C-alpha cells in the first residue's frame, strides 16, 4: 500500500491541503515552483489586462513549456550519456587490445635481449679463443 503524505501548502496566496505519495518537503517544493510561475506571469505588463481564466491558461502553458523543455533536455542528456558509455566501452576494448599488444612486444623484447646477451657471450668467448690461438701461433 502506498504511503500518502498530506501537506498544507500556499499557492498563489491561498492555502490548500494536498495529498501525495511524495514527502511533505517535495510537496512544498512543488507548491513553491507553482508560486514562482505565478510570480513570473504576475510580473508581466499584460497581467492585469487579461481575465483570471487567461492567467491560468498562461500559467498552464508555461508549466507545460518547462515540462517539455526538461523532457527534451533529459532525452538529449540520456543520448549523450549513452554515447559516452559506448565511447568508454570502445576505449576499454582498445585499451585491453593495446595492453595485450604491449605484453606481446615486451615478450619479444625480452627474447631479443636474451638473444643479444647470448650473442655477446658468444662473441666474448670467440674473442677469447681467437686471442688464445694468436698467442699460441704467434
N, C-alpha and C. Protein backbone atom coordinates (compact mmCIF):
# COMPACT_ATOMS: atom_id res chain seq x y z
N UNK A 1 0.84 -1.18 0.00
CA UNK A 1 0.00 0.00 0.00
C UNK A 1 0.88 1.24 0.00
N UNK A 2 0.52 2.21 -0.82
CA UNK A 2 1.30 3.45 -0.92
C UNK A 2 1.08 4.32 0.31
N UNK A 3 2.15 4.87 0.82
CA UNK A 3 2.04 5.84 1.92
C UNK A 3 1.66 7.18 1.34
N UNK A 4 0.64 7.75 1.88
CA UNK A 4 0.17 9.06 1.42
C UNK A 4 0.65 10.11 2.41
N UNK A 5 1.06 11.24 1.87
CA UNK A 5 1.51 12.35 2.69
C UNK A 5 0.57 13.52 2.47
N UNK A 6 0.15 14.13 3.55
CA UNK A 6 -0.69 15.31 3.45
C UNK A 6 0.15 16.51 3.84
N UNK A 7 0.00 17.59 3.08
CA UNK A 7 0.76 18.80 3.36
C UNK A 7 -0.13 20.01 3.18
N UNK A 8 0.08 20.98 4.03
CA UNK A 8 -0.61 22.27 3.90
C UNK A 8 0.33 23.18 3.11
N UNK A 9 -0.14 23.64 1.96
CA UNK A 9 0.69 24.49 1.11
C UNK A 9 -0.07 25.77 0.78
N UNK A 10 0.68 26.78 0.42
CA UNK A 10 0.08 28.03 -0.03
C UNK A 10 0.47 28.21 -1.49
N UNK A 11 -0.56 28.31 -2.33
CA UNK A 11 -0.35 28.52 -3.76
C UNK A 11 -1.12 29.76 -4.17
N UNK A 12 -0.40 30.71 -4.72
CA UNK A 12 -0.98 31.97 -5.17
C UNK A 12 -1.80 32.64 -4.07
N UNK A 13 -1.26 32.59 -2.85
CA UNK A 13 -1.88 33.27 -1.73
C UNK A 13 -3.02 32.51 -1.06
N UNK A 14 -3.33 31.33 -1.52
CA UNK A 14 -4.41 30.55 -0.93
C UNK A 14 -3.84 29.27 -0.32
N UNK A 15 -4.40 28.88 0.81
CA UNK A 15 -3.93 27.66 1.48
C UNK A 15 -4.70 26.46 0.95
N UNK A 16 -3.94 25.40 0.67
CA UNK A 16 -4.53 24.16 0.19
C UNK A 16 -3.97 23.00 1.00
N UNK A 17 -4.80 21.99 1.18
CA UNK A 17 -4.35 20.75 1.79
C UNK A 17 -4.22 19.75 0.65
N UNK A 18 -2.97 19.33 0.38
CA UNK A 18 -2.77 18.41 -0.73
C UNK A 18 -2.23 17.08 -0.20
N UNK A 19 -2.53 16.03 -0.93
CA UNK A 19 -2.10 14.69 -0.55
C UNK A 19 -1.34 14.10 -1.72
N UNK A 20 -0.21 13.46 -1.41
CA UNK A 20 0.59 12.85 -2.47
C UNK A 20 1.40 11.69 -1.94
N UNK A 21 2.03 10.98 -2.83
CA UNK A 21 2.87 9.83 -2.46
C UNK A 21 4.28 10.25 -2.09
N UNK A 22 4.61 11.51 -2.30
CA UNK A 22 5.95 12.01 -2.02
C UNK A 22 6.00 12.61 -0.61
N UNK A 23 7.20 13.01 -0.22
CA UNK A 23 7.38 13.61 1.11
C UNK A 23 6.74 14.99 1.17
N UNK A 24 6.52 15.46 2.38
CA UNK A 24 5.95 16.80 2.55
C UNK A 24 6.90 17.85 1.96
N UNK A 25 8.19 17.63 2.14
CA UNK A 25 9.19 18.55 1.59
C UNK A 25 9.03 18.66 0.07
N UNK A 26 8.82 17.52 -0.57
CA UNK A 26 8.65 17.52 -2.02
C UNK A 26 7.37 18.26 -2.41
N UNK A 27 6.28 18.01 -1.69
CA UNK A 27 5.01 18.69 -2.00
C UNK A 27 5.16 20.20 -1.82
N UNK A 28 5.91 20.62 -0.81
CA UNK A 28 6.17 22.06 -0.61
C UNK A 28 7.00 22.61 -1.77
N UNK A 29 7.93 21.81 -2.25
CA UNK A 29 8.77 22.22 -3.38
C UNK A 29 7.91 22.42 -4.63
N UNK A 30 6.94 21.52 -4.85
CA UNK A 30 6.04 21.65 -5.99
C UNK A 30 5.23 22.94 -5.87
N UNK A 31 4.71 23.19 -4.68
CA UNK A 31 3.93 24.41 -4.44
C UNK A 31 4.81 25.64 -4.69
N UNK A 32 6.04 25.59 -4.24
CA UNK A 32 6.96 26.71 -4.45
C UNK A 32 7.21 26.95 -5.93
N UNK A 33 7.34 25.88 -6.69
CA UNK A 33 7.54 26.00 -8.14
C UNK A 33 6.33 26.69 -8.78
N UNK A 34 5.13 26.25 -8.41
CA UNK A 34 3.92 26.86 -8.97
C UNK A 34 3.86 28.34 -8.59
N UNK A 35 4.21 28.66 -7.35
CA UNK A 35 4.23 30.07 -6.93
C UNK A 35 5.23 30.88 -7.74
N UNK A 36 6.37 30.29 -8.05
CA UNK A 36 7.36 31.02 -8.86
C UNK A 36 6.82 31.27 -10.27
N UNK A 37 6.06 30.33 -10.81
CA UNK A 37 5.46 30.54 -12.13
C UNK A 37 4.39 31.63 -12.07
N UNK A 38 3.61 31.65 -10.97
CA UNK A 38 2.64 32.74 -10.79
C UNK A 38 3.36 34.07 -10.73
N UNK A 39 4.47 34.12 -10.01
CA UNK A 39 5.23 35.37 -9.89
C UNK A 39 5.74 35.84 -11.25
N UNK A 40 6.17 34.89 -12.07
CA UNK A 40 6.65 35.24 -13.41
C UNK A 40 5.55 35.91 -14.24
N UNK A 41 4.35 35.32 -14.23
CA UNK A 41 3.30 35.92 -15.07
C UNK A 41 2.75 37.20 -14.43
N UNK A 42 2.75 37.27 -13.09
CA UNK A 42 2.31 38.47 -12.41
C UNK A 42 3.20 39.67 -12.76
N UNK A 43 4.46 39.42 -13.07
CA UNK A 43 5.42 40.48 -13.39
C UNK A 43 5.25 41.01 -14.82
N UNK A 44 4.44 40.34 -15.62
CA UNK A 44 4.25 40.77 -17.00
C UNK A 44 3.31 41.98 -17.06
N UNK A 45 3.54 42.86 -18.03
CA UNK A 45 2.73 44.08 -18.18
C UNK A 45 1.27 43.76 -18.47
N UNK A 46 1.03 42.72 -19.21
CA UNK A 46 -0.33 42.38 -19.64
C UNK A 46 -1.15 41.69 -18.55
N UNK A 47 -0.52 41.34 -17.42
CA UNK A 47 -1.16 40.53 -16.39
C UNK A 47 -2.52 41.10 -15.95
N UNK A 48 -2.58 42.39 -15.67
CA UNK A 48 -3.83 42.99 -15.16
C UNK A 48 -4.87 43.20 -16.25
N UNK A 49 -4.43 43.10 -17.50
CA UNK A 49 -5.34 43.35 -18.61
C UNK A 49 -6.10 42.11 -19.06
N UNK A 50 -5.70 40.93 -18.57
CA UNK A 50 -6.37 39.70 -19.02
C UNK A 50 -7.21 39.11 -17.89
N UNK A 51 -8.13 38.26 -18.28
CA UNK A 51 -9.04 37.64 -17.30
C UNK A 51 -8.29 36.61 -16.45
N UNK A 52 -8.84 36.30 -15.27
CA UNK A 52 -8.23 35.25 -14.43
C UNK A 52 -8.11 33.91 -15.16
N UNK A 53 -9.11 33.61 -16.00
CA UNK A 53 -9.04 32.36 -16.76
C UNK A 53 -7.83 32.36 -17.70
N UNK A 54 -7.60 33.49 -18.36
CA UNK A 54 -6.47 33.59 -19.27
C UNK A 54 -5.15 33.49 -18.50
N UNK A 55 -5.11 34.05 -17.30
CA UNK A 55 -3.91 33.95 -16.47
C UNK A 55 -3.61 32.48 -16.15
N UNK A 56 -4.67 31.74 -15.82
CA UNK A 56 -4.50 30.32 -15.51
C UNK A 56 -4.00 29.54 -16.73
N UNK A 57 -4.55 29.89 -17.89
CA UNK A 57 -4.12 29.21 -19.12
C UNK A 57 -2.65 29.52 -19.39
N UNK A 58 -2.25 30.78 -19.22
CA UNK A 58 -0.84 31.15 -19.43
C UNK A 58 0.04 30.39 -18.44
N UNK A 59 -0.41 30.30 -17.19
CA UNK A 59 0.35 29.55 -16.18
C UNK A 59 0.51 28.09 -16.63
N UNK A 60 -0.57 27.49 -17.07
CA UNK A 60 -0.52 26.09 -17.51
C UNK A 60 0.39 25.92 -18.72
N UNK A 61 0.32 26.88 -19.64
CA UNK A 61 1.20 26.82 -20.82
C UNK A 61 2.66 26.92 -20.40
N UNK A 62 2.96 27.84 -19.47
CA UNK A 62 4.34 28.00 -19.00
C UNK A 62 4.85 26.73 -18.31
N UNK A 63 4.00 26.12 -17.49
CA UNK A 63 4.40 24.88 -16.81
C UNK A 63 4.60 23.76 -17.84
N UNK A 64 3.69 23.66 -18.81
CA UNK A 64 3.83 22.63 -19.85
C UNK A 64 5.10 22.89 -20.68
N UNK A 65 5.38 24.16 -20.95
CA UNK A 65 6.59 24.52 -21.69
C UNK A 65 7.83 24.07 -20.92
N UNK A 66 7.87 24.35 -19.62
CA UNK A 66 9.00 23.90 -18.80
C UNK A 66 9.12 22.37 -18.85
N UNK A 67 7.99 21.70 -18.74
CA UNK A 67 7.98 20.24 -18.76
C UNK A 67 8.59 19.70 -20.06
N UNK A 68 8.12 20.21 -21.20
CA UNK A 68 8.61 19.70 -22.48
C UNK A 68 10.07 20.06 -22.72
N UNK A 69 10.48 21.24 -22.27
CA UNK A 69 11.90 21.61 -22.40
C UNK A 69 12.77 20.67 -21.57
N UNK A 70 12.34 20.38 -20.35
CA UNK A 70 13.11 19.48 -19.49
C UNK A 70 13.10 18.06 -20.04
N UNK A 71 11.97 17.64 -20.58
CA UNK A 71 11.88 16.31 -21.18
C UNK A 71 12.84 16.20 -22.36
N UNK A 72 12.89 17.23 -23.18
CA UNK A 72 13.80 17.25 -24.32
C UNK A 72 15.25 17.25 -23.85
N UNK A 73 15.54 18.06 -22.83
CA UNK A 73 16.90 18.11 -22.30
C UNK A 73 17.30 16.76 -21.70
N UNK A 74 16.38 16.12 -21.01
CA UNK A 74 16.65 14.80 -20.44
C UNK A 74 16.96 13.79 -21.54
N UNK A 75 16.18 13.84 -22.62
CA UNK A 75 16.43 12.93 -23.75
C UNK A 75 17.81 13.19 -24.34
N UNK A 76 18.16 14.47 -24.47
CA UNK A 76 19.48 14.83 -25.02
C UNK A 76 20.59 14.35 -24.09
N UNK A 77 20.44 14.59 -22.79
CA UNK A 77 21.45 14.17 -21.83
C UNK A 77 21.56 12.64 -21.81
N UNK A 78 20.43 11.96 -21.89
CA UNK A 78 20.44 10.49 -21.92
C UNK A 78 21.17 9.98 -23.16
N UNK A 79 20.91 10.63 -24.29
CA UNK A 79 21.58 10.24 -25.53
C UNK A 79 23.09 10.48 -25.42
N UNK A 80 23.47 11.63 -24.86
CA UNK A 80 24.89 11.93 -24.69
C UNK A 80 25.54 10.93 -23.73
N UNK A 81 24.83 10.57 -22.68
CA UNK A 81 25.35 9.59 -21.72
C UNK A 81 25.54 8.24 -22.40
N UNK A 82 24.59 7.86 -23.23
CA UNK A 82 24.71 6.59 -23.95
C UNK A 82 25.90 6.62 -24.91
N UNK A 83 26.07 7.76 -25.59
CA UNK A 83 27.22 7.91 -26.50
C UNK A 83 28.53 7.81 -25.72
N UNK A 84 28.58 8.45 -24.55
CA UNK A 84 29.78 8.38 -23.71
C UNK A 84 30.02 6.95 -23.23
N UNK A 85 28.95 6.27 -22.85
CA UNK A 85 29.08 4.87 -22.41
C UNK A 85 29.65 4.01 -23.54
N UNK A 86 29.14 4.24 -24.76
CA UNK A 86 29.65 3.49 -25.91
C UNK A 86 31.12 3.82 -26.17
N UNK A 87 31.47 5.09 -26.04
CA UNK A 87 32.87 5.51 -26.24
C UNK A 87 33.76 4.90 -25.16
N UNK A 88 33.29 4.89 -23.93
CA UNK A 88 34.06 4.28 -22.83
C UNK A 88 34.26 2.79 -23.11
N UNK A 89 33.21 2.12 -23.55
CA UNK A 89 33.31 0.69 -23.87
C UNK A 89 34.35 0.47 -24.97
N UNK A 90 34.28 1.30 -26.02
CA UNK A 90 35.23 1.18 -27.13
C UNK A 90 36.65 1.44 -26.65
N UNK A 91 36.83 2.48 -25.82
CA UNK A 91 38.16 2.80 -25.31
C UNK A 91 38.70 1.69 -24.42
N UNK A 92 37.83 1.11 -23.60
CA UNK A 92 38.27 -0.02 -22.76
C UNK A 92 38.71 -1.19 -23.63
N UNK A 93 37.93 -1.44 -24.68
CA UNK A 93 38.27 -2.52 -25.60
C UNK A 93 39.62 -2.24 -26.25
N UNK A 94 39.80 -1.00 -26.72
CA UNK A 94 41.08 -0.62 -27.33
C UNK A 94 42.22 -0.72 -26.33
N UNK A 95 41.97 -0.33 -25.08
CA UNK A 95 42.99 -0.40 -24.04
C UNK A 95 43.41 -1.85 -23.80
N UNK A 96 42.43 -2.73 -23.70
CA UNK A 96 42.74 -4.16 -23.48
C UNK A 96 43.55 -4.70 -24.65
N UNK A 97 43.16 -4.33 -25.87
CA UNK A 97 43.90 -4.79 -27.05
C UNK A 97 45.33 -4.23 -27.03
N UNK A 98 45.47 -2.95 -26.68
CA UNK A 98 46.80 -2.33 -26.62
C UNK A 98 47.65 -2.96 -25.52
N UNK A 99 47.03 -3.28 -24.39
CA UNK A 99 47.77 -3.93 -23.31
C UNK A 99 48.25 -5.31 -23.75
N UNK A 100 47.41 -6.04 -24.46
CA UNK A 100 47.81 -7.35 -24.98
C UNK A 100 48.97 -7.22 -25.96
N UNK A 101 48.87 -6.22 -26.83
CA UNK A 101 49.94 -5.98 -27.79
C UNK A 101 51.23 -5.57 -27.07
N UNK A 102 51.10 -4.73 -26.05
CA UNK A 102 52.27 -4.30 -25.28
C UNK A 102 52.93 -5.49 -24.58
N UNK A 103 52.12 -6.39 -24.05
CA UNK A 103 52.67 -7.59 -23.40
C UNK A 103 53.41 -8.46 -24.41
N UNK A 104 52.82 -8.60 -25.59
CA UNK A 104 53.47 -9.40 -26.63
C UNK A 104 54.79 -8.76 -27.06
N UNK A 105 54.78 -7.44 -27.22
CA UNK A 105 56.01 -6.74 -27.58
C UNK A 105 57.05 -6.85 -26.47
N UNK A 106 56.60 -6.81 -25.22
CA UNK A 106 57.52 -6.96 -24.09
C UNK A 106 58.17 -8.34 -24.11
N UNK A 107 57.38 -9.37 -24.41
CA UNK A 107 57.93 -10.73 -24.51
C UNK A 107 58.96 -10.82 -25.64
N UNK A 108 58.63 -10.21 -26.78
CA UNK A 108 59.57 -10.22 -27.90
C UNK A 108 60.85 -9.47 -27.53
N UNK A 109 60.70 -8.33 -26.85
CA UNK A 109 61.86 -7.56 -26.43
C UNK A 109 62.75 -8.38 -25.50
N UNK A 110 62.12 -9.05 -24.54
CA UNK A 110 62.89 -9.88 -23.60
C UNK A 110 63.62 -11.00 -24.34
N UNK A 111 62.95 -11.61 -25.33
CA UNK A 111 63.60 -12.67 -26.11
C UNK A 111 64.79 -12.10 -26.87
N UNK A 112 64.58 -10.93 -27.49
CA UNK A 112 65.66 -10.31 -28.26
C UNK A 112 66.81 -9.89 -27.34
N UNK A 113 66.48 -9.38 -26.16
CA UNK A 113 67.53 -9.01 -25.21
C UNK A 113 68.31 -10.25 -24.78
N UNK A 114 67.61 -11.35 -24.55
CA UNK A 114 68.29 -12.59 -24.17
C UNK A 114 69.17 -13.09 -25.31
N UNK A 115 68.64 -13.03 -26.53
CA UNK A 115 69.42 -13.45 -27.70
C UNK A 115 70.65 -12.56 -27.85
N UNK A 116 70.49 -11.26 -27.62
CA UNK A 116 71.60 -10.32 -27.69
C UNK A 116 72.66 -10.67 -26.64
N UNK A 117 72.21 -10.96 -25.43
CA UNK A 117 73.14 -11.35 -24.35
C UNK A 117 73.88 -12.63 -24.74
N UNK A 118 73.15 -13.59 -25.29
CA UNK A 118 73.77 -14.85 -25.71
C UNK A 118 74.82 -14.59 -26.80
N UNK A 119 74.48 -13.71 -27.75
CA UNK A 119 75.42 -13.39 -28.82
C UNK A 119 76.64 -12.66 -28.28
N UNK A 120 76.42 -11.76 -27.30
CA UNK A 120 77.56 -11.05 -26.69
C UNK A 120 78.48 -12.04 -25.97
N UNK A 121 77.87 -12.98 -25.25
CA UNK A 121 78.67 -14.00 -24.56
C UNK A 121 79.45 -14.84 -25.57
N UNK A 122 78.76 -15.19 -26.66
CA UNK A 122 79.41 -15.98 -27.71
C UNK A 122 80.56 -15.19 -28.32
N UNK A 123 80.32 -13.88 -28.55
CA UNK A 123 81.36 -13.02 -29.11
C UNK A 123 82.56 -12.95 -28.18
N UNK A 124 82.32 -12.79 -26.88
CA UNK A 124 83.42 -12.73 -25.91
C UNK A 124 84.17 -14.07 -25.90
N UNK A 125 83.43 -15.17 -25.93
CA UNK A 125 84.05 -16.50 -25.94
C UNK A 125 84.90 -16.68 -27.19
N UNK A 126 84.36 -16.27 -28.35
CA UNK A 126 85.11 -16.41 -29.59
C UNK A 126 86.35 -15.51 -29.61
N UNK A 127 86.23 -14.29 -29.08
CA UNK A 127 87.39 -13.40 -29.00
C UNK A 127 88.46 -13.99 -28.09
N UNK A 128 88.00 -14.57 -27.00
CA UNK A 128 88.95 -15.21 -26.07
C UNK A 128 89.66 -16.37 -26.76
N UNK A 129 88.90 -17.19 -27.48
CA UNK A 129 89.51 -18.30 -28.22
C UNK A 129 90.49 -17.78 -29.27
N UNK A 130 90.08 -16.73 -30.00
CA UNK A 130 90.92 -16.15 -31.03
C UNK A 130 92.22 -15.62 -30.43
N UNK A 131 92.11 -14.93 -29.30
CA UNK A 131 93.31 -14.42 -28.62
C UNK A 131 94.19 -15.58 -28.17
N UNK A 132 93.57 -16.64 -27.74
CA UNK A 132 94.33 -17.83 -27.33
C UNK A 132 95.08 -18.42 -28.51
N UNK A 133 94.43 -18.53 -29.68
CA UNK A 133 95.09 -19.05 -30.87
C UNK A 133 96.21 -18.12 -31.32
N UNK A 134 96.00 -16.82 -31.22
CA UNK A 134 97.03 -15.86 -31.63
C UNK A 134 98.27 -16.02 -30.76
N UNK A 135 98.06 -16.16 -29.46
CA UNK A 135 99.20 -16.33 -28.55
C UNK A 135 99.92 -17.64 -28.84
N UNK A 136 99.12 -18.63 -29.13
CA UNK A 136 99.68 -19.97 -29.36
C UNK A 136 100.49 -20.01 -30.65
N UNK A 137 100.03 -19.34 -31.71
CA UNK A 137 100.68 -19.45 -33.01
C UNK A 137 101.54 -18.23 -33.35
N UNK A 138 101.63 -17.27 -32.51
CA UNK A 138 102.50 -16.11 -32.77
C UNK A 138 103.72 -16.17 -31.99
